[in-house]
Amino acid sequence: MESVVQRRRAAWVGPAMSVLAILFLAVDAVGKVLRLGPYVEGTVQVGFPQSAVIGLGLVELAAVVLYAIPNTSMLGAILLTGWLGGAIATHARLGSPLFSHTLFPIYVAVLVWGGLYLRVAALRALVPLRRA
């Protein structure tokens, strides 16, 4: 059973984590869709053709929108997990620096799932974190 303090903390920490993830991922997606220089260059540097940038941005943006809508947030989190897993695989394949590049998508995934976990009581009931 959750205490009142835990519920209050979750009521603001969860949305804050989710907003941070949404902002970060939405800025990245919109930068790709608008074909802004740094986003195109970064995408090409990791091995994707320039012609794929808009499509990648649209896929990422769709997943972010699904995550941002409460009724579809779980589906959005699942899709973003796949997206972020692809980013990890891409950086691992390139031998990118571990903590700043390869593991960065995991940091974002912690925001995505941590925010969702704190926002959605049904998820907390499904995956209870218990103290030993």
Foldseek 3Di string as FASTA:
>chain_A
DDDPVLLVCLVPLLVVLLVVLLVVLLVLLVCLLVVPPVSLVVVVVLPDDSVCSNVLSVQSNVLSVLCVDVVRVVVSLVSLVVVLVVQLVSCVVVVHDVPPGNCVSVVSNCSSVVSVCSVDVVNCVVPPDDDD
